N, C-alpha and C. Protein backbone atom coordinates (compact mmCIF):
# COMPACT_ATOMS: atom_id res chain seq x y z
N UNK A 1 98.62 97.28 64.92
CA UNK A 1 97.42 95.91 65.13
C UNK A 1 97.98 94.40 64.95
N UNK A 2 96.98 93.79 65.80
CA UNK A 2 97.45 92.31 65.93
C UNK A 2 96.58 91.71 65.37
N UNK A 3 97.05 90.38 64.73
CA UNK A 3 95.60 89.32 64.28
C UNK A 3 95.67 87.95 64.83
N UNK A 4 94.79 87.32 64.31
CA UNK A 4 94.42 86.13 64.81
C UNK A 4 95.30 85.22 65.30
N UNK A 5 96.75 85.05 64.29
CA UNK A 5 97.64 84.16 64.39
C UNK A 5 98.44 84.83 65.73
N UNK A 6 98.26 85.92 65.83
CA UNK A 6 99.68 86.29 67.06
C UNK A 6 98.61 85.97 68.22
N UNK A 7 97.40 86.20 68.67
CA UNK A 7 96.58 85.84 69.91
C UNK A 7 96.78 84.35 70.15
N UNK A 8 96.76 83.55 68.93
CA UNK A 8 96.80 82.22 68.99
C UNK A 8 97.98 81.75 69.57
N UNK A 9 99.15 82.56 69.11
CA UNK A 9 100.55 82.08 69.39
C UNK A 9 100.70 82.52 70.93
N UNK A 10 100.43 83.79 70.98
CA UNK A 10 100.70 84.40 72.67
C UNK A 10 99.55 83.64 73.15
N UNK A 11 98.36 83.24 73.43
CA UNK A 11 97.82 82.68 74.11
C UNK A 11 98.56 81.04 74.08
N UNK A 12 99.16 80.20 73.22
CA UNK A 12 99.44 78.69 73.20
C UNK A 12 100.61 78.86 74.51
N UNK A 13 101.70 80.31 74.05
CA UNK A 13 102.77 80.35 74.80
C UNK A 13 102.51 80.33 76.01
N UNK A 14 101.51 81.31 76.87
CA UNK A 14 101.45 81.13 78.07
C UNK A 14 100.36 79.89 78.55
N UNK A 15 100.18 79.21 78.03
CA UNK A 15 99.20 77.66 78.07
C UNK A 15 97.86 78.42 78.62
N UNK A 16 97.51 79.27 78.37
CA UNK A 16 95.75 80.23 78.19
C UNK A 16 95.06 79.29 77.71
N UNK A 17 93.52 78.79 78.37
CA UNK A 17 92.82 78.40 77.76
C UNK A 17 92.06 79.89 76.87
N UNK A 18 91.11 79.60 75.87
CA UNK A 18 90.54 80.59 75.43
C UNK A 18 89.40 81.59 76.67
N UNK A 19 89.18 80.61 77.97
CA UNK A 19 88.31 80.62 79.05
C UNK A 19 89.21 81.81 79.57
N UNK A 20 90.59 81.45 79.81
CA UNK A 20 91.31 82.36 80.71
C UNK A 20 91.67 83.75 80.35
N UNK A 21 91.87 83.64 78.97
CA UNK A 21 92.05 84.73 78.54
C UNK A 21 91.18 85.84 78.24
N UNK A 22 89.84 85.26 78.03
CA UNK A 22 88.47 85.72 78.63
C UNK A 22 88.22 86.80 79.22
N UNK A 23 88.30 86.07 80.32
CA UNK A 23 88.55 86.34 81.90
C UNK A 23 89.21 87.35 82.09
N UNK A 24 90.41 87.49 81.59
CA UNK A 24 91.56 88.42 82.10
C UNK A 24 90.95 89.63 80.58
N UNK A 25 90.92 89.38 80.11
CA UNK A 25 90.20 90.74 79.06
C UNK A 25 89.25 91.04 79.21
N UNK A 26 88.35 90.57 79.62
CA UNK A 26 86.82 90.92 79.86
C UNK A 26 85.99 90.65 78.52
N UNK A 27 86.15 89.97 77.91
CA UNK A 27 85.96 89.50 76.58
C UNK A 27 85.20 88.37 76.52
N UNK A 28 84.30 88.08 75.88
CA UNK A 28 83.45 86.94 75.38
C UNK A 28 84.24 85.89 74.72
N UNK A 29 84.09 84.65 75.57
CA UNK A 29 84.96 83.54 74.79
C UNK A 29 84.43 83.00 73.15
N UNK A 30 83.19 83.21 72.66
CA UNK A 30 83.21 83.07 71.19
C UNK A 30 83.51 84.33 70.52
N UNK A 31 83.94 85.02 70.94
CA UNK A 31 84.35 86.32 70.55
C UNK A 31 85.88 86.06 70.21
N UNK A 32 86.66 85.50 71.19
CA UNK A 32 87.89 85.02 70.92
C UNK A 32 88.15 84.12 69.92
N UNK A 33 87.31 83.08 70.03
CA UNK A 33 87.24 81.98 68.91
C UNK A 33 87.16 82.55 67.30
N UNK A 34 86.15 83.80 67.02
CA UNK A 34 86.26 84.54 66.11
C UNK A 34 87.40 85.05 65.39
N UNK A 35 87.76 85.97 66.29
CA UNK A 35 89.32 86.33 66.15
C UNK A 35 90.17 85.63 65.79
N UNK A 36 90.96 84.18 66.61
CA UNK A 36 91.76 83.58 66.45
C UNK A 36 91.37 82.59 65.00
N UNK A 37 90.37 82.52 64.60
CA UNK A 37 90.14 81.42 63.38
C UNK A 37 90.36 82.43 62.40
N UNK A 38 91.16 83.28 62.39
CA UNK A 38 91.14 83.96 60.92
C UNK A 38 93.15 84.60 61.09
N UNK A 39 93.70 84.49 59.96
CA UNK A 39 94.79 84.74 59.88
C UNK A 39 95.25 86.36 59.73
N UNK A 40 94.27 86.86 59.23
CA UNK A 40 94.23 88.20 59.24
C UNK A 40 93.80 89.36 60.39
N UNK A 41 94.05 90.22 60.07
CA UNK A 41 93.54 91.33 60.93
C UNK A 41 91.81 91.31 60.63
N UNK A 42 91.47 91.02 61.84
CA UNK A 42 90.04 90.75 61.71
C UNK A 42 89.14 92.40 62.14
N UNK A 43 88.26 92.00 61.81
CA UNK A 43 87.19 93.41 61.40
C UNK A 43 86.19 93.01 62.98
N UNK A 44 87.18 93.01 64.05
CA UNK A 44 86.73 93.48 64.93
C UNK A 44 86.75 94.31 65.92
N UNK A 45 85.91 94.67 66.84
CA UNK A 45 85.92 96.23 67.38
C UNK A 45 87.09 96.68 68.17
N UNK A 46 87.85 97.65 67.46
CA UNK A 46 89.16 97.92 68.28
C UNK A 46 89.50 98.06 69.77
N UNK A 47 88.06 97.99 70.46
CA UNK A 47 88.30 97.87 71.92
C UNK A 47 88.60 96.28 72.45
N UNK A 48 87.51 96.01 71.65
CA UNK A 48 87.84 94.21 72.05
C UNK A 48 90.02 94.00 71.71
N UNK A 49 90.36 94.48 70.76
CA UNK A 49 91.60 94.07 70.44
C UNK A 49 92.43 94.87 71.19
N UNK A 50 92.25 95.61 71.77
CA UNK A 50 92.94 96.27 72.59
C UNK A 50 93.22 95.72 73.87
N UNK A 51 91.64 94.78 74.55
CA UNK A 51 91.73 94.24 75.75
C UNK A 51 92.57 92.90 75.47
N UNK A 52 92.16 92.34 74.73
CA UNK A 52 93.20 90.78 74.20
C UNK A 52 94.69 91.64 74.67
N UNK A 53 95.18 92.47 73.83
CA UNK A 53 96.23 92.77 73.54
C UNK A 53 96.93 93.36 74.99
N UNK A 54 96.44 93.85 75.76
CA UNK A 54 96.95 94.30 76.74
C UNK A 54 96.81 93.25 77.86
N UNK A 55 96.04 92.49 78.05
CA UNK A 55 95.73 91.49 78.84
C UNK A 55 97.20 90.60 78.49
N UNK A 56 97.08 89.93 77.49
CA UNK A 56 98.62 89.44 76.79
C UNK A 56 100.10 90.12 77.22
N UNK A 57 99.65 91.57 77.07
CA UNK A 57 101.29 92.25 76.93
C UNK A 57 101.59 92.05 78.52
N UNK A 58 100.53 92.38 79.46
CA UNK A 58 100.55 92.37 80.83
C UNK A 58 101.47 90.99 81.68
N UNK A 59 100.99 89.83 80.43
CA UNK A 59 101.68 88.75 80.99
C UNK A 59 103.09 88.43 80.65
N UNK A 60 103.48 89.29 80.06
CA UNK A 60 104.62 89.09 79.28
C UNK A 60 104.58 88.53 77.89
N UNK A 61 103.38 89.19 77.04
CA UNK A 61 103.86 88.76 75.50
C UNK A 61 104.27 90.51 74.95
N UNK A 62 105.35 90.29 74.12
CA UNK A 62 105.61 91.60 73.28
C UNK A 62 105.21 90.83 71.88
N UNK A 63 104.32 91.60 71.41
CA UNK A 63 103.84 91.37 69.40
C UNK A 63 105.03 92.07 68.38
N UNK A 64 105.30 91.29 67.70
CA UNK A 64 106.60 91.89 66.99
C UNK A 64 106.41 91.83 65.58
N UNK A 65 106.65 92.83 64.75
CA UNK A 65 106.13 92.36 62.87
C UNK A 65 104.84 93.01 62.80
N UNK A 66 104.14 92.88 61.85
CA UNK A 66 102.97 93.72 61.57
C UNK A 66 102.22 92.39 60.83
N UNK A 67 100.80 92.12 60.94
CA UNK A 67 100.09 91.29 60.02
C UNK A 67 100.07 90.78 58.70
N UNK A 68 100.96 91.88 58.35
CA UNK A 68 101.05 91.64 56.28
C UNK A 68 102.64 91.60 56.38
N UNK A 69 103.84 91.27 57.80
CA UNK A 69 105.02 91.07 57.66
C UNK A 69 105.67 90.95 58.72
N UNK A 70 105.91 89.75 58.55
CA UNK A 70 106.11 89.02 59.77
C UNK A 70 105.86 88.77 61.18
N UNK A 71 104.25 88.98 60.91
CA UNK A 71 104.04 88.66 62.17
C UNK A 71 104.26 87.83 63.80
N UNK A 72 104.37 88.05 64.52
CA UNK A 72 104.73 87.26 65.92
C UNK A 72 104.76 87.48 67.04
N UNK A 73 105.55 86.82 68.24
CA UNK A 73 105.60 87.43 69.50
C UNK A 73 106.66 87.08 69.78
N UNK A 74 107.10 87.78 71.45
CA UNK A 74 108.43 87.07 71.39
C UNK A 74 108.01 87.21 73.57
N UNK A 75 108.65 86.38 74.19
CA UNK A 75 108.04 85.86 75.50
C UNK A 75 109.20 86.60 76.47
N UNK A 76 108.48 87.57 77.25
CA UNK A 76 109.23 88.05 78.26
C UNK A 76 109.06 87.03 79.55
N UNK A 77 107.69 86.30 80.11
CA UNK A 77 107.81 85.88 81.54
C UNK A 77 107.24 84.44 80.87
N UNK A 78 108.19 83.22 81.23
CA UNK A 78 107.83 81.92 80.45
C UNK A 78 107.22 81.66 81.22
N UNK A 79 106.05 81.16 81.05
CA UNK A 79 104.79 80.40 81.37
C UNK A 79 103.74 81.28 81.87
N UNK A 80 103.90 82.34 82.00
CA UNK A 80 102.58 83.34 82.36
C UNK A 80 102.18 83.20 83.66
N UNK A 81 101.16 83.52 84.18
CA UNK A 81 100.81 83.13 85.72
C UNK A 81 100.55 81.72 86.03
N UNK A 82 100.40 81.19 85.47
CA UNK A 82 100.32 79.77 85.92
C UNK A 82 101.83 79.08 86.59
N UNK A 83 103.11 79.50 86.24
CA UNK A 83 104.23 79.58 86.95
C UNK A 83 104.32 80.07 88.06
N UNK A 84 104.27 81.49 88.53
CA UNK A 84 103.68 82.18 89.55
C UNK A 84 103.39 81.43 90.16
N UNK A 85 101.92 80.68 90.30
CA UNK A 85 101.33 79.99 91.18
C UNK A 85 102.40 78.58 91.92
N UNK A 86 103.00 78.27 91.13
CA UNK A 86 103.65 77.15 91.70
C UNK A 86 104.91 77.21 92.77
């Protein structure tokens, strides 16, 4: 399971806006804002969390730790999609 902190970190590492993540994960931007607003596991639909996690992992993010034990990310693709377009 991932939490709002990890999603914020991953999105920042990729330099994605909320709207970019929403598009790539096929999730509403208001949903992402709600999930990112808390630092613990959000009571969000598990399918929503899976979509967000999958979109971020596809861009090279690895989620490490657990929400209650050193949550974080590891970056495998620097810059995400934006650098690939340059």
